[in-house]
Every structure is written in C-alpha cells, then in structure tokens.
Amino acid sequence: MKVLVSGGAGFIGSHVVEALIAAGHQVVVLDDLSSGRRENLPAGAPLVVADIRDPDLAHRLAGEGVEAISHHAAQISVPASVADPRRDAEINVAGTVNLLHCAVAWGARRFIFISSGGAIYGEPEAIPVKENHPFRPLSPYAVGKHCGEQYLDYFNRAHGLATVTLRYANVYGPRQIPLGEAGVAAIFMDALAAGRRPTIFCPPGMPEGCLRDYVYVKDCARANLLALSAGQGAYNIGTGVATSTLALWRGIQAAAGRELGHGLGPFRVGDILRSALDSGRAARELGWRPQFDLGAGLAETWAWARRELEARP
C-alpha cells in the first residue's frame, strides 16, 4: 500500500515511516520541516516539503497514487495554542480538513488521524479512561483535536472514506524534541545530560506531580500499521498505567545509571491532574497492545540520547 505520512520527518511520524517501510509499504513523507528533520528519515524515503494548509496540495500530489494517509502533522504545544488559538486552529483544524479533501481527491481509501487522549477528555471522571468518556477539552489544542475527529466523521459519512482516530497518551522515545510539556521525558533527559536539576510541578496534595500515561513511540508506530487494515472510529493508544512525574524522573535516572536532584514548582493552571487510557478497544479490534513497559522504553530512549550526545562536536 502507498501511504502518505504527514509530519513524517518529525518525532512520531518518522517512526511510523520506518515501521511502514519495514512492513513493505511504499511511503511518501509530507513535512514542512518546521520541527521535523530530514535526518530522521530512512535513506531513500521520498520527502515532499510542503504545508498541510497548501490549497494546491491535492494538485501537487495528484499523480502519487496515495492509498492511505497517516496524519501526524500538527501544532503540538498546548501553551502555544492558548497564546494563539487562531494559529492553532489554522494548522490543526484547517490543515486537517485540507488533507481530508486531498484524500478524497486522490481516491485514498483510509485516513488515520492522530488525536490526543491526554487532552481531549479533560480532567477524567476516573482512570483509565475509555473512548466513550465525555469530551471536556481544556485548551484550544484539545478543542482542535476534537474538531478534527468530527471532520473525520463527516468525511466518512459524506465520502465513504474509512477513518480511524488514534488517541495517543503521552508519547516518548528517540528523536523527541525537549520542547514544551509534551516532551517531558526528553526535557528530563536533556537536563540529566547537562547536570541540570529539572523542575517537577506539583498540584496541591500531589507531592510527586501529575499522573500521566507514558506510551513508547514504537508502540504508536505499530498502532498505525494495524490501523491501515482494521478498525474504524476512535481508539485509545496507551498503557493504562498512571505514572507520576517524579516516578518518570526516577525511571530516567535508573535508565542512565545516574542520580541527580530535582526542584519543585507550583501547579500550572491548565494541567490535567490525572490521565491514563484504557486501550481495550484497540486490543479487541486492532489487535494492539503495548509491547514496551516504561523501564524498557526509557532504556532504549536513553541509549539513543547518549549516542546523540556523543556525536555532537
């Protein structure tokens, strides 16, 4: 199958590209390189440098024979969405609609959309959260992801496009940029390598910080592979395990074989206190289960980070 991966030169998208190629699929990478890197891509992977909002995109790639789309390109920062909701919507809503239009124009059969299980549900009533939990987005970023899911439903009904939404938990792994709270594992590893004490933000009554579900990037890439041929609708992609920020920091130190202290900071308004995803539906309908626990994933990630540090001039 020929698959277009938007944001394919980025952190998660590049792992999806690798998994697709390893499975024998043809790949076209679409990325504007605003945060993605050519170096993230396997040798020979075709790259089209373009913005997902480009109104000429359907025409530019009309002859590529794209059969499916894995849509990872996005504005990923929650604080940036709060600071500039219009820009967030232009990329995450209008950009998604443009790519859905392209899918129909190209005759693609399937569209995989990446949503956020850590943001779209808001503060959950209980954890782990199932897909039928009410949507309570607390940021423009989360609102945009919700809108994207609704547009998928529309294109499914109006055009017969098979659509799958993967609601990722907090993804970590090699190639993650230490930028924003979405990259907390990368931020902590960067701090550890520099000998700099990180800050753990603690809500009242939660001395070890907020609770998050950390899912390894290779498990997310495998979910995309499975979603090419199975399922429709929304699926949580997470471990179901709620890990505190302090436990994550301790796990990173254990993976690195180093010890370093940390500082404490006040609770940040807008942060979700507790989040973990029930991925039972993905197990039943896609055959997906996480294969990496946190310790194994952090060990692989630190090994990559160490190689990156050693390669720096």
Protein backbone atom coordinates (compact mmCIF):
# COMPACT_ATOMS: atom_id res chain seq x y z
CA MET A 1 0.00 0.00 0.00
CA LYS A 2 1.19 3.54 -0.71
CA VAL A 3 0.87 5.66 2.42
CA LEU A 4 1.37 9.40 2.84
CA VAL A 5 2.66 10.30 6.31
CA SER A 6 2.14 13.96 7.14
CA GLY A 7 4.65 15.21 9.68
CA GLY A 8 6.69 12.16 8.69
CA ALA A 9 10.04 13.83 9.40
CA GLY A 10 9.04 14.56 12.98
CA PHE A 11 9.43 12.62 16.21
CA ILE A 12 6.50 10.21 15.99
CA GLY A 13 5.94 10.40 12.25
CA SER A 14 9.47 9.25 11.41
CA HIS A 15 8.97 6.10 13.48
CA VAL A 16 5.73 5.46 11.60
CA VAL A 17 7.63 5.88 8.31
CA GLU A 18 10.23 3.35 9.43
CA ALA A 19 7.59 0.83 10.51
CA LEU A 20 5.69 1.19 7.23
CA ILE A 21 8.79 0.67 5.11
CA ALA A 22 9.87 -2.32 7.22
CA ALA A 23 6.43 -3.85 6.63
CA GLY A 24 6.82 -3.49 2.85
CA HIS A 25 4.64 -0.43 2.25
CA GLN A 26 5.53 2.45 -0.06
CA VAL A 27 5.75 5.80 1.70
CA VAL A 28 5.52 9.46 0.76
CA VAL A 29 6.59 11.85 3.53
CA LEU A 30 4.91 15.25 3.72
CA ASP A 31 6.56 17.73 6.09
CA ASP A 32 7.22 21.46 6.14
CA LEU A 33 10.38 20.85 8.25
CA SER A 34 9.34 23.47 10.79
CA SER A 35 10.22 20.98 13.51
CA GLY A 36 10.88 17.77 11.57
CA ARG A 37 14.34 16.86 10.32
CA ARG A 38 15.49 15.19 7.12
CA GLU A 39 17.96 13.22 9.22
CA ASN A 40 15.07 11.47 10.96
CA LEU A 41 14.07 9.72 7.74
CA PRO A 42 15.39 6.41 6.42
CA ALA A 43 17.67 6.73 3.41
CA GLY A 44 15.70 6.97 0.19
CA ALA A 45 12.35 7.88 1.79
CA PRO A 46 10.75 10.41 -0.58
CA LEU A 47 10.11 13.77 1.09
CA VAL A 48 7.71 16.43 -0.16
CA VAL A 49 8.39 19.72 1.63
CA ALA A 50 5.01 21.42 1.91
CA ASP A 51 2.49 22.80 4.39
CA ILE A 52 -0.67 20.78 5.04
CA ARG A 53 -2.62 24.03 4.57
CA ASP A 54 -1.37 24.46 0.98
CA PRO A 55 -4.52 24.84 -1.21
CA ASP A 56 -2.59 23.36 -4.18
CA LEU A 57 -1.57 20.22 -2.29
CA ALA A 58 -4.20 17.99 -3.93
CA HIS A 59 -2.96 19.03 -7.37
CA ARG A 60 0.75 18.80 -6.48
CA LEU A 61 0.49 15.16 -5.39
CA ALA A 62 -2.28 14.09 -7.74
CA GLY A 63 -0.12 11.54 -9.53
CA GLU A 64 1.38 9.85 -6.46
CA GLY A 65 -1.29 7.16 -6.15
CA VAL A 66 -1.73 7.63 -2.40
CA GLU A 67 -3.99 4.92 -0.96
CA ALA A 68 -3.92 5.86 2.73
CA ILE A 69 -2.88 8.80 4.90
CA SER A 70 -1.38 8.78 8.39
CA HIS A 71 -1.84 12.35 9.58
CA HIS A 72 0.71 13.38 12.24
CA ALA A 73 1.47 16.96 11.17
CA ALA A 74 0.22 19.35 13.86
CA GLN A 75 0.85 22.28 16.13
CA ILE A 76 1.64 20.26 19.29
CA SER A 77 2.12 22.81 22.06
CA VAL A 78 -0.76 23.37 24.48
CA PRO A 79 0.70 26.70 25.77
CA ALA A 80 1.19 27.89 22.18
CA SER A 81 -2.45 27.10 21.45
CA VAL A 82 -3.53 29.18 24.45
CA ALA A 83 -1.31 32.07 23.35
CA ASP A 84 -2.51 31.95 19.72
CA PRO A 85 -5.73 29.96 19.23
CA ARG A 86 -6.15 31.20 15.67
CA ARG A 87 -2.82 29.78 14.51
CA ASP A 88 -3.54 26.51 16.30
CA ALA A 89 -6.88 26.20 14.51
CA GLU A 90 -5.37 27.12 11.14
CA ILE A 91 -2.90 24.23 11.40
CA ASN A 92 -4.79 21.61 13.39
CA VAL A 93 -8.31 22.17 12.06
CA ALA A 94 -8.00 23.82 8.64
CA GLY A 95 -4.88 21.78 7.83
CA THR A 96 -6.67 18.55 8.68
CA VAL A 97 -9.70 19.50 6.56
CA ASN A 98 -7.39 20.29 3.63
CA LEU A 99 -5.72 16.90 3.94
CA LEU A 100 -9.10 15.15 4.14
CA HIS A 101 -10.08 16.97 0.94
CA CYS A 102 -6.85 15.71 -0.63
CA ALA A 103 -7.63 12.15 0.42
CA VAL A 104 -10.95 12.29 -1.42
CA ALA A 105 -9.38 13.94 -4.48
CA TRP A 106 -6.66 11.28 -4.64
CA GLY A 107 -9.08 8.40 -4.20
CA ALA A 108 -7.44 7.28 -0.96
CA ARG A 109 -9.29 4.55 0.89
CA ARG A 110 -8.26 5.21 4.50
CA PHE A 111 -7.34 8.17 6.71
CA ILE A 112 -5.64 7.78 10.11
CA PHE A 113 -5.87 10.87 12.32
CA ILE A 114 -3.72 11.42 15.40
CA SER A 115 -5.63 12.85 18.32
CA SER A 116 -4.72 13.30 21.98
CA GLY A 117 -6.08 11.04 24.68
CA GLY A 118 -4.18 13.10 27.20
CA ALA A 119 -6.02 16.33 26.28
CA ILE A 120 -9.35 15.65 24.63
CA TYR A 121 -11.07 14.14 27.69
CA GLY A 122 -10.06 16.94 30.05
CA GLU A 123 -9.93 16.03 33.73
CA PRO A 124 -11.32 12.46 33.69
CA GLU A 125 -14.04 11.18 35.96
CA ALA A 126 -11.99 8.02 36.56
CA ILE A 127 -8.90 6.36 35.13
CA PRO A 128 -8.13 4.56 32.94
CA VAL A 129 -10.39 6.45 30.53
CA LYS A 130 -12.44 4.73 27.84
CA GLU A 131 -13.29 6.19 24.44
CA ASN A 132 -16.88 6.96 25.45
CA HIS A 133 -15.79 9.37 28.17
CA PRO A 134 -17.28 12.87 27.67
CA PHE A 135 -15.10 15.37 25.82
CA ARG A 136 -14.02 18.20 28.11
CA PRO A 137 -11.18 19.98 26.28
CA LEU A 138 -9.32 22.48 28.45
CA SER A 139 -7.21 24.17 25.75
CA PRO A 140 -7.54 25.34 22.13
CA TYR A 141 -5.22 22.46 21.21
CA ALA A 142 -7.68 19.94 22.64
CA VAL A 143 -10.61 21.73 21.01
CA GLY A 144 -8.81 21.49 17.66
CA LYS A 145 -8.26 17.77 18.04
CA HIS A 146 -11.94 17.32 18.87
CA CYS A 147 -12.86 19.28 15.75
CA GLY A 148 -10.55 17.11 13.68
CA GLU A 149 -12.31 13.98 14.88
CA GLN A 150 -15.69 15.47 13.95
CA TYR A 151 -14.47 16.28 10.45
CA LEU A 152 -13.32 12.68 10.06
CA ASP A 153 -16.82 11.52 10.92
CA TYR A 154 -18.24 13.90 8.31
CA PHE A 155 -15.88 12.75 5.55
CA ASN A 156 -16.66 9.14 6.43
CA ARG A 157 -20.40 9.74 6.04
CA ALA A 158 -20.24 12.11 3.06
CA HIS A 159 -17.50 10.44 1.01
CA GLY A 160 -17.20 6.87 2.28
CA LEU A 161 -13.64 7.45 3.43
CA ALA A 162 -12.63 4.85 6.02
CA THR A 163 -11.39 6.85 9.02
CA VAL A 164 -9.51 5.87 12.17
CA THR A 165 -8.59 8.14 15.06
CA LEU A 166 -5.71 7.13 17.33
CA ARG A 167 -5.86 8.98 20.64
CA TYR A 168 -2.28 8.80 21.88
CA ALA A 169 -1.35 9.01 25.53
CA ASN A 170 1.90 10.88 26.39
CA VAL A 171 4.36 9.63 23.80
CA TYR A 172 8.09 9.41 24.49
CA GLY A 173 11.08 7.88 22.73
CA PRO A 174 14.07 8.56 20.46
CA ARG A 175 14.01 11.78 18.39
CA GLN A 176 11.68 13.61 20.75
CA ILE A 177 12.47 17.31 21.00
CA PRO A 178 12.89 18.65 24.56
CA LEU A 179 10.37 21.41 23.97
CA GLY A 180 7.12 22.01 25.85
CA GLU A 181 5.38 19.75 28.34
CA ALA A 182 4.61 17.24 25.59
CA GLY A 183 8.30 16.30 25.67
CA VAL A 184 8.78 15.90 29.42
CA ALA A 185 10.85 12.71 29.06
CA ALA A 186 13.11 14.46 26.57
CA ILE A 187 13.30 17.54 28.81
CA PHE A 188 14.36 15.39 31.76
CA MET A 189 16.97 13.51 29.73
CA ASP A 190 18.37 16.76 28.38
CA ALA A 191 18.59 18.09 31.96
CA LEU A 192 20.27 14.93 33.22
CA ALA A 193 22.87 15.00 30.46
CA ALA A 194 23.64 18.64 31.30
CA GLY A 195 23.71 18.04 35.06
CA ARG A 196 20.80 20.44 35.45
CA ARG A 197 18.10 19.75 38.06
CA PRO A 198 14.65 19.62 36.46
CA THR A 199 11.52 21.10 37.99
CA ILE A 200 8.57 18.92 38.96
CA PHE A 201 5.30 20.83 39.12
CA CYS A 202 3.16 19.59 41.99
CA PRO A 203 -0.58 20.20 42.39
CA PRO A 204 -1.89 20.51 45.95
CA GLY A 205 -1.94 17.11 47.60
CA MET A 206 0.17 15.50 44.85
CA PRO A 207 3.79 15.78 46.05
CA GLU A 208 5.11 13.61 43.20
CA GLY A 209 3.48 15.67 40.46
CA CYS A 210 0.71 14.93 37.99
CA LEU A 211 -0.09 11.41 36.79
CA ARG A 212 0.37 10.55 33.12
CA ASP A 213 0.19 7.53 30.83
CA TYR A 214 3.55 7.24 29.01
CA VAL A 215 3.46 5.18 25.82
CA TYR A 216 6.57 4.31 23.80
CA VAL A 217 6.81 5.70 20.28
CA LYS A 218 7.42 2.32 18.65
CA ASP A 219 4.15 1.06 20.09
CA CYS A 220 2.41 4.06 18.50
CA ALA A 221 4.03 3.27 15.14
CA ARG A 222 2.73 -0.30 15.35
CA ALA A 223 -0.78 1.02 16.04
CA ASN A 224 -0.60 2.91 12.75
CA LEU A 225 0.40 -0.25 10.90
CA LEU A 226 -2.55 -2.16 12.32
CA ALA A 227 -4.95 0.70 11.61
CA LEU A 228 -4.16 0.50 7.89
CA SER A 229 -6.18 -2.67 7.55
CA ALA A 230 -8.52 -2.83 10.55
CA GLY A 231 -10.97 -0.78 12.53
CA GLN A 232 -12.89 2.45 12.17
CA GLY A 233 -13.66 5.14 14.73
CA ALA A 234 -11.57 6.18 17.73
CA TYR A 235 -9.04 4.11 19.68
CA ASN A 236 -7.06 4.95 22.80
CA ILE A 237 -3.37 4.12 22.44
CA GLY A 238 -1.83 3.98 25.90
CA THR A 239 -0.61 1.64 28.62
CA GLY A 240 -3.37 2.23 31.17
CA VAL A 241 -0.68 2.90 33.79
CA ALA A 242 -0.68 6.28 35.55
CA THR A 243 2.90 7.33 36.34
CA SER A 244 3.80 10.38 38.42
CA THR A 245 6.24 12.96 37.12
CA LEU A 246 8.65 12.08 39.93
CA ALA A 247 8.44 8.36 39.08
CA LEU A 248 9.26 9.21 35.46
CA TRP A 249 12.28 11.23 36.61
CA ARG A 250 13.44 8.33 38.78
CA GLY A 251 12.99 5.93 35.88
CA ILE A 252 15.15 8.11 33.64
CA GLN A 253 17.89 8.24 36.27
CA ALA A 254 17.73 4.44 36.59
CA ALA A 255 17.98 4.02 32.81
CA ALA A 256 21.01 6.33 32.71
CA GLY A 257 22.69 4.93 35.83
CA ARG A 258 23.00 8.45 37.20
CA GLU A 259 21.48 10.32 40.12
CA LEU A 260 20.57 13.98 40.25
CA GLY A 261 18.21 16.00 42.41
CA HIS A 262 15.20 17.96 41.28
CA GLY A 263 13.35 21.13 42.13
CA LEU A 264 9.66 21.64 42.87
CA GLY A 265 7.37 24.11 41.19
CA PRO A 266 3.75 25.19 41.73
CA PHE A 267 0.84 23.66 39.89
CA ARG A 268 0.35 25.16 36.43
CA VAL A 269 -3.16 26.21 35.51
CA GLY A 270 -4.47 24.07 32.66
CA ASP A 271 -2.51 20.96 33.55
CA ILE A 272 -4.58 17.80 33.83
CA LEU A 273 -4.04 16.18 37.23
CA ARG A 274 -4.53 12.54 36.28
CA SER A 275 -4.60 10.79 32.94
CA ALA A 276 -4.37 7.17 31.81
CA LEU A 277 -6.05 5.47 28.86
CA ASP A 278 -7.97 2.22 28.60
CA SER A 279 -6.83 0.67 25.30
CA GLY A 280 -9.12 -2.36 25.49
CA ARG A 281 -10.93 -1.42 22.29
CA ALA A 282 -7.64 -1.25 20.39
CA ALA A 283 -6.76 -4.70 21.73
CA ARG A 284 -10.09 -6.17 20.62
CA GLU A 285 -10.46 -4.53 17.22
CA LEU A 286 -6.91 -3.74 16.08
CA GLY A 287 -5.00 -6.45 17.89
CA TRP A 288 -2.86 -3.75 19.52
CA ARG A 289 -1.31 -3.94 22.96
CA PRO A 290 1.75 -2.04 24.25
CA GLN A 291 4.89 -4.14 24.00
CA PHE A 292 7.19 -1.80 25.94
CA ASP A 293 6.88 -1.07 29.63
CA LEU A 294 8.25 2.22 30.91
CA GLY A 295 11.59 0.81 32.02
CA ALA A 296 12.34 -0.82 28.65
CA GLY A 297 11.23 2.25 26.70
CA LEU A 298 13.29 4.64 28.80
CA ALA A 299 16.36 2.40 28.44
CA GLU A 300 16.09 2.50 24.63
CA THR A 301 15.46 6.23 24.67
CA TRP A 302 18.44 7.00 26.90
CA ALA A 303 20.70 4.82 24.72
CA TRP A 304 19.66 6.93 21.73
CA ALA A 305 20.10 10.19 23.67
CA ARG A 306 23.59 9.14 24.76
CA ARG A 307 24.60 8.38 21.14
CA GLU A 308 23.29 11.78 20.09
CA LEU A 309 25.34 13.50 22.77
CA GLU A 310 28.49 11.59 21.83
CA ALA A 311 28.03 12.55 18.17
CA ARG A 312 27.90 16.27 18.94
CA PRO A 313 31.06 18.21 18.08
